Amino acid sequence: MRAELRLSDLKTRERSTSRLMNVKIPAHVSEAIQKVADDLGASKTEVVVALLNEGLTVSASTLEGLRSARIAVGAGKRLCRVRGCRHPFVAKGYCAAHYQAARRRKSGLSN
């Protein structure tokens, strides 16, 4: 499979080396993939690779947008790594409140 394979490329595809990745998916997703494969005259593997590549492209641009937004909000300061928290980083990637909460969980002091 080519790393740049897209759904639109499946009609004119080339074979290349690949690696096996065993993944469990819901039955309805497998059926939908099979339908797309049948419609395009491609294998399920090729459809999955194409869908993953397209999804990875979208994810990369989305993550880049999030990084840019986080940098703008933090004005160059590092922020807490807890999703949604915009407090400045204090220790081990956490703001003061989340760092203390993590310490309490680790020591068993919190319920």
PDB file of N, CA and C in Angstrom:
ATOM      1  N   MET A   1       0.836  -1.178   0.000  1.00  0.00           N
ATOM      2  CA  MET A   1       0.000   0.000   0.000  1.00  0.00           C
ATOM      3  C   MET A   1       0.882   1.243   0.000  1.00  0.00           C
ATOM      4  N   ARG A   2       0.517   2.209  -0.765  1.00  0.00           N
ATOM      5  CA  ARG A   2       1.258   3.468  -0.782  1.00  0.00           C
ATOM      6  C   ARG A   2       0.779   4.346   0.359  1.00  0.00           C
ATOM      7  N   ALA A   3       1.681   5.055   0.971  1.00  0.00           N
ATOM      8  CA  ALA A   3       1.332   5.921   2.094  1.00  0.00           C
ATOM      9  C   ALA A   3       0.420   7.058   1.665  1.00  0.00           C
ATOM     10  N   GLU A   4       0.447   7.414   0.396  1.00  0.00           N
ATOM     11  CA  GLU A   4      -0.366   8.535  -0.074  1.00  0.00           C
ATOM     12  C   GLU A   4      -1.654   8.087  -0.765  1.00  0.00           C
ATOM     13  N   LEU A   5      -1.999   6.811  -0.675  1.00  0.00           N
ATOM     14  CA  LEU A   5      -3.185   6.271  -1.338  1.00  0.00           C
ATOM     15  C   LEU A   5      -4.455   6.945  -0.838  1.00  0.00           C
ATOM     16  N   ARG A   6      -5.310   7.362  -1.761  1.00  0.00           N
ATOM     17  CA  ARG A   6      -6.596   7.991  -1.443  1.00  0.00           C
ATOM     18  C   ARG A   6      -7.694   7.207  -2.142  1.00  0.00           C
ATOM     19  N   LEU A   7      -8.928   7.399  -1.697  1.00  0.00           N
ATOM     20  CA  LEU A   7     -10.046   6.697  -2.321  1.00  0.00           C
ATOM     21  C   LEU A   7     -10.092   6.951  -3.820  1.00  0.00           C
ATOM     22  N   SER A   8      -9.810   8.174  -4.225  1.00  0.00           N
ATOM     23  CA  SER A   8      -9.853   8.512  -5.644  1.00  0.00           C
ATOM     24  C   SER A   8      -8.763   7.787  -6.446  1.00  0.00           C
ATOM     25  N   ASP A   9      -7.742   7.274  -5.784  1.00  0.00           N
ATOM     26  CA  ASP A   9      -6.635   6.585  -6.449  1.00  0.00           C
ATOM     27  C   ASP A   9      -6.875   5.086  -6.639  1.00  0.00           C
ATOM     28  N   LEU A  10      -7.933   4.547  -6.054  1.00  0.00           N
ATOM     29  CA  LEU A  10      -8.084   3.095  -6.030  1.00  0.00           C
ATOM     30  C   LEU A  10      -8.275   2.475  -7.405  1.00  0.00           C
ATOM     31  N   LYS A  11      -8.740   3.217  -8.376  1.00  0.00           N
ATOM     32  CA  LYS A  11      -8.894   2.681  -9.725  1.00  0.00           C
ATOM     33  C   LYS A  11      -7.537   2.489 -10.399  1.00  0.00           C
ATOM     34  N   THR A  12      -6.557   3.323 -10.053  1.00  0.00           N
ATOM     35  CA  THR A  12      -5.235   3.271 -10.698  1.00  0.00           C
ATOM     36  C   THR A  12      -4.162   3.009  -9.642  1.00  0.00           C
ATOM     37  N   ARG A  13      -4.335   1.987  -8.850  1.00  0.00           N
ATOM     38  CA  ARG A  13      -3.449   1.735  -7.719  1.00  0.00           C
ATOM     39  C   ARG A  13      -2.248   0.868  -8.102  1.00  0.00           C
ATOM     40  N   GLU A  14      -1.203   1.022  -7.290  1.00  0.00           N
ATOM     41  CA  GLU A  14      -0.007   0.198  -7.428  1.00  0.00           C
ATOM     42  C   GLU A  14       0.180  -0.574  -6.132  1.00  0.00           C
ATOM     43  N   ARG A  15       0.725  -1.742  -6.215  1.00  0.00           N
ATOM     44  CA  ARG A  15       0.991  -2.550  -5.023  1.00  0.00           C
ATOM     45  C   ARG A  15       2.350  -2.163  -4.445  1.00  0.00           C
ATOM     46  N   SER A  16       2.446  -2.180  -3.114  1.00  0.00           N
ATOM     47  CA  SER A  16       3.718  -1.909  -2.455  1.00  0.00           C
ATOM     48  C   SER A  16       3.771  -2.708  -1.160  1.00  0.00           C
ATOM     49  N   THR A  17       4.881  -2.621  -0.447  1.00  0.00           N
ATOM     50  CA  THR A  17       5.028  -3.379   0.791  1.00  0.00           C
ATOM     51  C   THR A  17       4.060  -2.866   1.848  1.00  0.00           C
ATOM     52  N   SER A  18       3.711  -3.747   2.766  1.00  0.00           N
ATOM     53  CA  SER A  18       2.778  -3.358   3.818  1.00  0.00           C
ATOM     54  C   SER A  18       3.083  -4.133   5.087  1.00  0.00           C
ATOM     55  N   ARG A  19       2.427  -3.757   6.170  1.00  0.00           N
ATOM     56  CA  ARG A  19       2.559  -4.446   7.450  1.00  0.00           C
ATOM     57  C   ARG A  19       1.173  -4.822   7.939  1.00  0.00           C
ATOM     58  N   LEU A  20       1.091  -5.936   8.621  1.00  0.00           N
ATOM     59  CA  LEU A  20      -0.173  -6.407   9.147  1.00  0.00           C
ATOM     60  C   LEU A  20      -0.509  -5.674  10.436  1.00  0.00           C
ATOM     61  N   MET A  21      -1.745  -5.201  10.537  1.00  0.00           N
ATOM     62  CA  MET A  21      -2.226  -4.550  11.758  1.00  0.00           C
ATOM     63  C   MET A  21      -3.597  -5.135  12.051  1.00  0.00           C
ATOM     64  N   ASN A  22      -3.687  -5.886  13.114  1.00  0.00           N
ATOM     65  CA  ASN A  22      -4.936  -6.543  13.474  1.00  0.00           C
ATOM     66  C   ASN A  22      -5.776  -5.594  14.315  1.00  0.00           C
ATOM     67  N   VAL A  23      -6.953  -5.221  13.838  1.00  0.00           N
ATOM     68  CA  VAL A  23      -7.795  -4.267  14.546  1.00  0.00           C
ATOM     69  C   VAL A  23      -9.224  -4.788  14.557  1.00  0.00           C
ATOM     70  N   LYS A  24      -9.877  -4.733  15.721  1.00  0.00           N
ATOM     71  CA  LYS A  24     -11.284  -5.100  15.798  1.00  0.00           C
ATOM     72  C   LYS A  24     -12.123  -3.869  15.524  1.00  0.00           C
ATOM     73  N   ILE A  25     -13.130  -4.023  14.663  1.00  0.00           N
ATOM     74  CA  ILE A  25     -14.029  -2.924  14.335  1.00  0.00           C
ATOM     75  C   ILE A  25     -15.465  -3.422  14.423  1.00  0.00           C
ATOM     76  N   PRO A  26     -16.413  -2.521  14.630  1.00  0.00           N
ATOM     77  CA  PRO A  26     -17.821  -2.940  14.672  1.00  0.00           C
ATOM     78  C   PRO A  26     -18.244  -3.543  13.330  1.00  0.00           C
ATOM     79  N   ALA A  27     -19.192  -4.478  13.392  1.00  0.00           N
ATOM     80  CA  ALA A  27     -19.653  -5.170  12.186  1.00  0.00           C
ATOM     81  C   ALA A  27     -20.185  -4.200  11.147  1.00  0.00           C
ATOM     82  N   HIS A  28     -20.912  -3.161  11.575  1.00  0.00           N
ATOM     83  CA  HIS A  28     -21.483  -2.226  10.602  1.00  0.00           C
ATOM     84  C   HIS A  28     -20.401  -1.445   9.862  1.00  0.00           C
ATOM     85  N   VAL A  29     -19.266  -1.205  10.524  1.00  0.00           N
ATOM     86  CA  VAL A  29     -18.156  -0.519   9.861  1.00  0.00           C
ATOM     87  C   VAL A  29     -17.539  -1.435   8.813  1.00  0.00           C
ATOM     88  N   SER A  30     -17.377  -2.707   9.158  1.00  0.00           N
ATOM     89  CA  SER A  30     -16.835  -3.665   8.209  1.00  0.00           C
ATOM     90  C   SER A  30     -17.737  -3.792   6.983  1.00  0.00           C
ATOM     91  N   GLU A  31     -19.045  -3.814   7.218  1.00  0.00           N
ATOM     92  CA  GLU A  31     -19.991  -3.900   6.099  1.00  0.00           C
ATOM     93  C   GLU A  31     -19.917  -2.657   5.218  1.00  0.00           C
ATOM     94  N   ALA A  32     -19.785  -1.491   5.833  1.00  0.00           N
ATOM     95  CA  ALA A  32     -19.677  -0.252   5.059  1.00  0.00           C
ATOM     96  C   ALA A  32     -18.390  -0.235   4.233  1.00  0.00           C
ATOM     97  N   ILE A  33     -17.294  -0.714   4.817  1.00  0.00           N
ATOM     98  CA  ILE A  33     -16.017  -0.787   4.098  1.00  0.00           C
ATOM     99  C   ILE A  33     -16.143  -1.745   2.916  1.00  0.00           C
ATOM    100  N   GLN A  34     -16.797  -2.891   3.146  1.00  0.00           N
ATOM    101  CA  GLN A  34     -16.982  -3.854   2.059  1.00  0.00           C
ATOM    102  C   GLN A  34     -17.804  -3.253   0.925  1.00  0.00           C
ATOM    103  N   LYS A  35     -18.831  -2.466   1.258  1.00  0.00           N
ATOM    104  CA  LYS A  35     -19.667  -1.826   0.239  1.00  0.00           C
ATOM    105  C   LYS A  35     -18.847  -0.840  -0.593  1.00  0.00           C
ATOM    106  N   VAL A  36     -18.028  -0.037   0.071  1.00  0.00           N
ATOM    107  CA  VAL A  36     -17.179   0.909  -0.658  1.00  0.00           C
ATOM    108  C   VAL A  36     -16.195   0.141  -1.541  1.00  0.00           C
ATOM    109  N   ALA A  37     -15.619  -0.935  -1.010  1.00  0.00           N
ATOM    110  CA  ALA A  37     -14.668  -1.744  -1.787  1.00  0.00           C
ATOM    111  C   ALA A  37     -15.348  -2.320  -3.020  1.00  0.00           C
ATOM    112  N   ASP A  38     -16.552  -2.837  -2.855  1.00  0.00           N
ATOM    113  CA  ASP A  38     -17.292  -3.393  -3.996  1.00  0.00           C
ATOM    114  C   ASP A  38     -17.596  -2.306  -5.027  1.00  0.00           C
ATOM    115  N   ASP A  39     -18.027  -1.137  -4.557  1.00  0.00           N
ATOM    116  CA  ASP A  39     -18.360  -0.032  -5.460  1.00  0.00           C
ATOM    117  C   ASP A  39     -17.151   0.442  -6.262  1.00  0.00           C
ATOM    118  N   LEU A  40     -15.968   0.392  -5.629  1.00  0.00           N
ATOM    119  CA  LEU A  40     -14.750   0.877  -6.288  1.00  0.00           C
ATOM    120  C   LEU A  40     -13.957  -0.233  -6.976  1.00  0.00           C
ATOM    121  N   GLY A  41     -14.369  -1.474  -6.783  1.00  0.00           N
ATOM    122  CA  GLY A  41     -13.613  -2.588  -7.351  1.00  0.00           C
ATOM    123  C   GLY A  41     -12.248  -2.723  -6.711  1.00  0.00           C
ATOM    124  N   ALA A  42     -12.178  -2.452  -5.429  1.00  0.00           N
ATOM    125  CA  ALA A  42     -10.922  -2.502  -4.690  1.00  0.00           C
ATOM    126  C   ALA A  42     -11.045  -3.517  -3.556  1.00  0.00           C
ATOM    127  N   SER A  43      -9.929  -3.792  -2.922  1.00  0.00           N
ATOM    128  CA  SER A  43      -9.969  -4.684  -1.760  1.00  0.00           C
ATOM    129  C   SER A  43     -10.334  -3.877  -0.517  1.00  0.00           C
ATOM    130  N   LYS A  44     -10.803  -4.590   0.512  1.00  0.00           N
ATOM    131  CA  LYS A  44     -11.123  -3.913   1.775  1.00  0.00           C
ATOM    132  C   LYS A  44      -9.873  -3.264   2.359  1.00  0.00           C
ATOM    133  N   THR A  45      -8.748  -3.936   2.222  1.00  0.00           N
ATOM    134  CA  THR A  45      -7.490  -3.395   2.747  1.00  0.00           C
ATOM    135  C   THR A  45      -7.158  -2.064   2.085  1.00  0.00           C
ATOM    136  N   GLU A  46      -7.306  -2.010   0.776  1.00  0.00           N
ATOM    137  CA  GLU A  46      -7.010  -0.760   0.071  1.00  0.00           C
ATOM    138  C   GLU A  46      -7.953   0.355   0.503  1.00  0.00           C
ATOM    139  N   VAL A  47      -9.210   0.028   0.709  1.00  0.00           N
ATOM    140  CA  VAL A  47     -10.169   1.037   1.164  1.00  0.00           C
ATOM    141  C   VAL A  47      -9.804   1.528   2.562  1.00  0.00           C
ATOM    142  N   VAL A  48      -9.466   0.604   3.453  1.00  0.00           N
ATOM    143  CA  VAL A  48      -9.094   0.994   4.823  1.00  0.00           C
ATOM    144  C   VAL A  48      -7.858   1.894   4.807  1.00  0.00           C
ATOM    145  N   VAL A  49      -6.847   1.531   4.023  1.00  0.00           N
ATOM    146  CA  VAL A  49      -5.634   2.342   3.946  1.00  0.00           C
ATOM    147  C   VAL A  49      -5.951   3.731   3.400  1.00  0.00           C
ATOM    148  N   ALA A  50      -6.766   3.791   2.347  1.00  0.00           N
ATOM    149  CA  ALA A  50      -7.134   5.082   1.768  1.00  0.00           C
ATOM    150  C   ALA A  50      -7.902   5.928   2.777  1.00  0.00           C
ATOM    151  N   LEU A  51      -8.852   5.313   3.489  1.00  0.00           N
ATOM    152  CA  LEU A  51      -9.619   6.051   4.495  1.00  0.00           C
ATOM    153  C   LEU A  51      -8.718   6.532   5.634  1.00  0.00           C
ATOM    154  N   LEU A  52      -7.806   5.673   6.073  1.00  0.00           N
ATOM    155  CA  LEU A  52      -6.874   6.084   7.121  1.00  0.00           C
ATOM    156  C   LEU A  52      -5.996   7.237   6.667  1.00  0.00           C
ATOM    157  N   ASN A  53      -5.480   7.164   5.446  1.00  0.00           N
ATOM    158  CA  ASN A  53      -4.642   8.248   4.936  1.00  0.00           C
ATOM    159  C   ASN A  53      -5.411   9.558   4.890  1.00  0.00           C
ATOM    160  N   GLU A  54      -6.656   9.506   4.394  1.00  0.00           N
ATOM    161  CA  GLU A  54      -7.456  10.733   4.326  1.00  0.00           C
ATOM    162  C   GLU A  54      -7.753  11.250   5.727  1.00  0.00           C
ATOM    163  N   GLY A  55      -8.067  10.340   6.655  1.00  0.00           N
ATOM    164  CA  GLY A  55      -8.320  10.745   8.032  1.00  0.00           C
ATOM    165  C   GLY A  55      -7.087  11.319   8.702  1.00  0.00           C
ATOM    166  N   LEU A  56      -5.929  10.734   8.427  1.00  0.00           N
ATOM    167  CA  LEU A  56      -4.688  11.247   9.009  1.00  0.00           C
ATOM    168  C   LEU A  56      -4.363  12.641   8.492  1.00  0.00           C
ATOM    169  N   THR A  57      -4.660  12.895   7.227  1.00  0.00           N
ATOM    170  CA  THR A  57      -4.434  14.225   6.662  1.00  0.00           C
ATOM    171  C   THR A  57      -5.316  15.255   7.363  1.00  0.00           C
ATOM    172  N   VAL A  58      -6.584  14.911   7.541  1.00  0.00           N
ATOM    173  CA  VAL A  58      -7.515  15.819   8.225  1.00  0.00           C
ATOM    174  C   VAL A  58      -7.086  16.010   9.676  1.00  0.00           C
ATOM    175  N   SER A  59      -6.692  14.908  10.344  1.00  0.00           N
ATOM    176  CA  SER A  59      -6.255  15.000  11.743  1.00  0.00           C
ATOM    177  C   SER A  59      -5.026  15.879  11.892  1.00  0.00           C
ATOM    178  N   ALA A  60      -4.083  15.739  10.979  1.00  0.00           N
ATOM    179  CA  ALA A  60      -2.856  16.535  11.060  1.00  0.00           C
ATOM    180  C   ALA A  60      -3.170  18.015  10.956  1.00  0.00           C
ATOM    181  N   SER A  61      -4.060  18.381  10.030  1.00  0.00           N
ATOM    182  CA  SER A  61      -4.392  19.804   9.893  1.00  0.00           C
ATOM    183  C   SER A  61      -5.190  20.291  11.097  1.00  0.00           C
ATOM    184  N   THR A  62      -6.070  19.437  11.640  1.00  0.00           N
ATOM    185  CA  THR A  62      -6.834  19.821  12.827  1.00  0.00           C
ATOM    186  C   THR A  62      -5.902  20.020  14.015  1.00  0.00           C
ATOM    187  N   LEU A  63      -4.968  19.087  14.212  1.00  0.00           N
ATOM    188  CA  LEU A  63      -4.027  19.211  15.325  1.00  0.00           C
ATOM    189  C   LEU A  63      -3.148  20.446  15.179  1.00  0.00           C
ATOM    190  N   GLU A  64      -2.754  20.752  13.953  1.00  0.00           N
ATOM    191  CA  GLU A  64      -1.947  21.953  13.732  1.00  0.00           C
ATOM    192  C   GLU A  64      -2.738  23.193  14.127  1.00  0.00           C
ATOM    193  N   GLY A  65      -4.035  23.208  13.785  1.00  0.00           N
ATOM    194  CA  GLY A  65      -4.898  24.321  14.169  1.00  0.00           C
ATOM    195  C   GLY A  65      -5.024  24.435  15.678  1.00  0.00           C
ATOM    196  N   LEU A  66      -5.135  23.297  16.358  1.00  0.00           N
ATOM    197  CA  LEU A  66      -5.228  23.313  17.815  1.00  0.00           C
ATOM    198  C   LEU A  66      -3.929  23.806  18.443  1.00  0.00           C
ATOM    199  N   ARG A  67      -2.799  23.368  17.889  1.00  0.00           N
ATOM    200  CA  ARG A  67      -1.508  23.842  18.406  1.00  0.00           C
ATOM    201  C   ARG A  67      -1.390  25.349  18.248  1.00  0.00           C
ATOM    202  N   SER A  68      -1.798  25.847  17.085  1.00  0.00           N
ATOM    203  CA  SER A  68      -1.725  27.286  16.838  1.00  0.00           C
ATOM    204  C   SER A  68      -2.619  28.039  17.809  1.00  0.00           C
ATOM    205  N   ALA A  69      -3.824  27.526  18.045  1.00  0.00           N
ATOM    206  CA  ALA A  69      -4.749  28.177  18.965  1.00  0.00           C
ATOM    207  C   ALA A  69      -4.206  28.148  20.384  1.00  0.00           C
ATOM    208  N   ARG A  70      -3.624  27.026  20.771  1.00  0.00           N
ATOM    209  CA  ARG A  70      -3.090  26.907  22.122  1.00  0.00           C
ATOM    210  C   ARG A  70      -1.925  27.867  22.331  1.00  0.00           C
ATOM    211  N   ILE A  71      -1.078  27.999  21.328  1.00  0.00           N
ATOM    212  CA  ILE A  71       0.048  28.929  21.429  1.00  0.00           C
ATOM    213  C   ILE A  71      -0.466  30.358  21.526  1.00  0.00           C
ATOM    214  N   ALA A  72      -1.477  30.702  20.729  1.00  0.00           N
ATOM    215  CA  ALA A  72      -2.036  32.052  20.762  1.00  0.00           C
ATOM    216  C   ALA A  72      -2.655  32.349  22.116  1.00  0.00           C
ATOM    217  N   VAL A  73      -3.395  31.391  22.685  1.00  0.00           N
ATOM    218  CA  VAL A  73      -4.038  31.592  23.978  1.00  0.00           C
ATOM    219  C   VAL A  73      -2.994  31.730  25.071  1.00  0.00           C
ATOM    220  N   GLY A  74      -1.972  30.896  25.026  1.00  0.00           N
ATOM    221  CA  GLY A  74      -0.955  30.893  26.061  1.00  0.00           C
ATOM    222  C   GLY A  74       0.092  31.977  25.903  1.00  0.00           C
ATOM    223  N   ALA A  75       0.035  32.705  24.808  1.00  0.00           N
ATOM    224  CA  ALA A  75       1.000  33.776  24.540  1.00  0.00           C
ATOM    225  C   ALA A  75       2.433  33.302  24.761  1.00  0.00           C
ATOM    226  N   GLY A  76       2.745  32.123  24.269  1.00  0.00           N
ATOM    227  CA  GLY A  76       4.100  31.600  24.360  1.00  0.00           C
ATOM    228  C   GLY A  76       4.379  30.814  25.619  1.00  0.00           C
ATOM    229  N   LYS A  77       3.440  30.799  26.579  1.00  0.00           N
ATOM    230  CA  LYS A  77       3.635  30.038  27.802  1.00  0.00           C
ATOM    231  C   LYS A  77       3.178  28.604  27.586  1.00  0.00           C
ATOM    232  N   ARG A  78       3.815  27.684  28.269  1.00  0.00           N
ATOM    233  CA  ARG A  78       3.365  26.292  28.208  1.00  0.00           C
ATOM    234  C   ARG A  78       2.139  26.146  29.093  1.00  0.00           C
ATOM    235  N   LEU A  79       1.150  25.400  28.585  1.00  0.00           N
ATOM    236  CA  LEU A  79      -0.101  25.230  29.301  1.00  0.00           C
ATOM    237  C   LEU A  79      -0.224  23.825  29.858  1.00  0.00           C
ATOM    238  N   CYS A  80      -1.102  23.670  30.829  1.00  0.00           N
ATOM    239  CA  CYS A  80      -1.401  22.379  31.440  1.00  0.00           C
ATOM    240  C   CYS A  80      -1.806  21.388  30.356  1.00  0.00           C
ATOM    241  N   ARG A  81      -1.374  20.139  30.493  1.00  0.00           N
ATOM    242  CA  ARG A  81      -1.666  19.148  29.464  1.00  0.00           C
ATOM    243  C   ARG A  81      -3.044  18.510  29.606  1.00  0.00           C
ATOM    244  N   VAL A  82      -3.803  18.874  30.628  1.00  0.00           N
ATOM    245  CA  VAL A  82      -5.157  18.367  30.784  1.00  0.00           C
ATOM    246  C   VAL A  82      -6.048  19.067  29.759  1.00  0.00           C
ATOM    247  N   ARG A  83      -6.787  18.270  28.985  1.00  0.00           N
ATOM    248  CA  ARG A  83      -7.627  18.815  27.915  1.00  0.00           C
ATOM    249  C   ARG A  83      -8.606  19.845  28.486  1.00  0.00           C
ATOM    250  N   GLY A  84      -8.633  20.999  27.867  1.00  0.00           N
ATOM    251  CA  GLY A  84      -9.554  22.053  28.260  1.00  0.00           C
ATOM    252  C   GLY A  84      -8.998  22.996  29.317  1.00  0.00           C
ATOM    253  N   CYS A  85      -7.928  22.607  29.980  1.00  0.00           N
ATOM    254  CA  CYS A  85      -7.335  23.462  31.018  1.00  0.00           C
ATOM    255  C   CYS A  85      -6.390  24.453  30.348  1.00  0.00           C
ATOM    256  N   ARG A  86      -6.553  25.714  30.664  1.00  0.00           N
ATOM    257  CA  ARG A  86      -5.713  26.743  30.044  1.00  0.00           C
ATOM    258  C   ARG A  86      -4.801  27.438  31.052  1.00  0.00           C
ATOM    259  N   HIS A  87      -4.611  26.790  32.195  1.00  0.00           N
ATOM    260  CA  HIS A  87      -3.718  27.360  33.197  1.00  0.00           C
ATOM    261  C   HIS A  87      -2.271  27.051  32.828  1.00  0.00           C
ATOM    262  N   PRO A  88      -1.348  27.902  33.277  1.00  0.00           N
ATOM    263  CA  PRO A  88       0.055  27.676  32.929  1.00  0.00           C
ATOM    264  C   PRO A  88       0.610  26.413  33.580  1.00  0.00           C
ATOM    265  N   PHE A  89       1.502  25.792  32.871  1.00  0.00           N
ATOM    266  CA  PHE A  89       2.206  24.593  33.307  1.00  0.00           C
ATOM    267  C   PHE A  89       3.070  24.934  34.517  1.00  0.00           C
ATOM    268  N   VAL A  90       3.053  24.043  35.519  1.00  0.00           N
ATOM    269  CA  VAL A  90       3.876  24.237  36.713  1.00  0.00           C
ATOM    270  C   VAL A  90       4.895  23.107  36.832  1.00  0.00           C
ATOM    271  N   ALA A  91       4.400  21.855  36.817  1.00  0.00           N
ATOM    272  CA  ALA A  91       5.306  20.706  36.977  1.00  0.00           C
ATOM    273  C   ALA A  91       4.752  19.493  36.254  1.00  0.00           C
ATOM    274  N   LYS A  92       5.674  18.740  35.635  1.00  0.00           N
ATOM    275  CA  LYS A  92       5.324  17.501  34.936  1.00  0.00           C
ATOM    276  C   LYS A  92       4.173  17.686  33.954  1.00  0.00           C
ATOM    277  N   GLY A  93       4.067  18.861  33.341  1.00  0.00           N
ATOM    278  CA  GLY A  93       3.066  19.119  32.330  1.00  0.00           C
ATOM    279  C   GLY A  93       1.722  19.583  32.861  1.00  0.00           C
ATOM    280  N   TYR A  94       1.562  19.674  34.166  1.00  0.00           N
ATOM    281  CA  TYR A  94       0.295  20.047  34.775  1.00  0.00           C
ATOM    282  C   TYR A  94       0.333  21.451  35.375  1.00  0.00           C
ATOM    283  N   CYS A  95      -0.847  22.066  35.489  1.00  0.00           N
ATOM    284  CA  CYS A  95      -0.973  23.306  36.258  1.00  0.00           C
ATOM    285  C   CYS A  95      -0.926  22.916  37.739  1.00  0.00           C
ATOM    286  N   ALA A  96      -0.900  23.888  38.622  1.00  0.00           N
ATOM    287  CA  ALA A  96      -0.775  23.606  40.061  1.00  0.00           C
ATOM    288  C   ALA A  96      -1.906  22.707  40.557  1.00  0.00           C
ATOM    289  N   ALA A  97      -3.144  23.008  40.169  1.00  0.00           N
ATOM    290  CA  ALA A  97      -4.291  22.230  40.664  1.00  0.00           C
ATOM    291  C   ALA A  97      -4.250  20.793  40.157  1.00  0.00           C
ATOM    292  N   HIS A  98      -3.985  20.606  38.873  1.00  0.00           N
ATOM    293  CA  HIS A  98      -3.963  19.249  38.328  1.00  0.00           C
ATOM    294  C   HIS A  98      -2.743  18.461  38.826  1.00  0.00           C
ATOM    295  N   TYR A  99      -1.636  19.135  39.056  1.00  0.00           N
ATOM    296  CA  TYR A  99      -0.464  18.464  39.596  1.00  0.00           C
ATOM    297  C   TYR A  99      -0.755  17.948  41.002  1.00  0.00           C
ATOM    298  N   GLN A 100      -1.379  18.789  41.839  1.00  0.00           N
ATOM    299  CA  GLN A 100      -1.709  18.353  43.203  1.00  0.00           C
ATOM    300  C   GLN A 100      -2.723  17.213  43.183  1.00  0.00           C
ATOM    301  N   ALA A 101      -3.693  17.283  42.287  1.00  0.00           N
ATOM    302  CA  ALA A 101      -4.681  16.208  42.184  1.00  0.00           C
ATOM    303  C   ALA A 101      -4.006  14.900  41.781  1.00  0.00           C
ATOM    304  N   ALA A 102      -3.062  14.975  40.858  1.00  0.00           N
ATOM    305  CA  ALA A 102      -2.339  13.781  40.430  1.00  0.00           C
ATOM    306  C   ALA A 102      -1.509  13.217  41.581  1.00  0.00           C
ATOM    307  N   ARG A 103      -0.900  14.078  42.365  1.00  0.00           N
ATOM    308  CA  ARG A 103      -0.116  13.627  43.521  1.00  0.00           C
ATOM    309  C   ARG A 103      -1.002  12.949  44.538  1.00  0.00           C
ATOM    310  N   ARG A 104      -2.193  13.519  44.796  1.00  0.00           N
ATOM    311  CA  ARG A 104      -3.111  12.907  45.762  1.00  0.00           C
ATOM    312  C   ARG A 104      -3.569  11.528  45.283  1.00  0.00           C
ATOM    313  N   ARG A 105      -3.871  11.414  43.972  1.00  0.00           N
ATOM    314  CA  ARG A 105      -4.290  10.110  43.435  1.00  0.00           C
ATOM    315  C   ARG A 105      -3.166   9.078  43.572  1.00  0.00           C
ATOM    316  N   LYS A 106      -1.949   9.508  43.300  1.00  0.00           N
ATOM    317  CA  LYS A 106      -0.805   8.593  43.348  1.00  0.00           C
ATOM    318  C   LYS A 106      -0.553   8.116  44.784  1.00  0.00           C
ATOM    319  N   SER A 107      -0.709   9.006  45.758  1.00  0.00           N
ATOM    320  CA  SER A 107      -0.431   8.635  47.144  1.00  0.00           C
ATOM    321  C   SER A 107      -1.623   7.986  47.822  1.00  0.00           C
ATOM    322  N   GLY A 108      -2.784   7.971  47.137  1.00  0.00           N
ATOM    323  CA  GLY A 108      -3.967   7.325  47.704  1.00  0.00           C
ATOM    324  C   GLY A 108      -4.703   8.175  48.703  1.00  0.00           C
ATOM    325  N   LEU A 109      -4.402   9.467  48.755  1.00  0.00           N
ATOM    326  CA  LEU A 109      -5.055  10.344  49.721  1.00  0.00           C
ATOM    327  C   LEU A 109      -6.446  10.776  49.288  1.00  0.00           C
ATOM    328  N   SER A 110      -6.723  10.765  47.999  1.00  0.00           N
ATOM    329  CA  SER A 110      -8.046  11.204  47.541  1.00  0.00           C
ATOM    330  C   SER A 110      -8.978  10.013  47.431  1.00  0.00           C
ATOM    331  N   ASN A 111     -10.271  10.282  47.512  1.00  0.00           N
ATOM    332  CA  ASN A 111     -11.274   9.204  47.429  1.00  0.00           C
ATOM    333  C   ASN A 111     -11.731   9.001  46.036  1.00  0.00           C
TER     334      ASN A 111
END
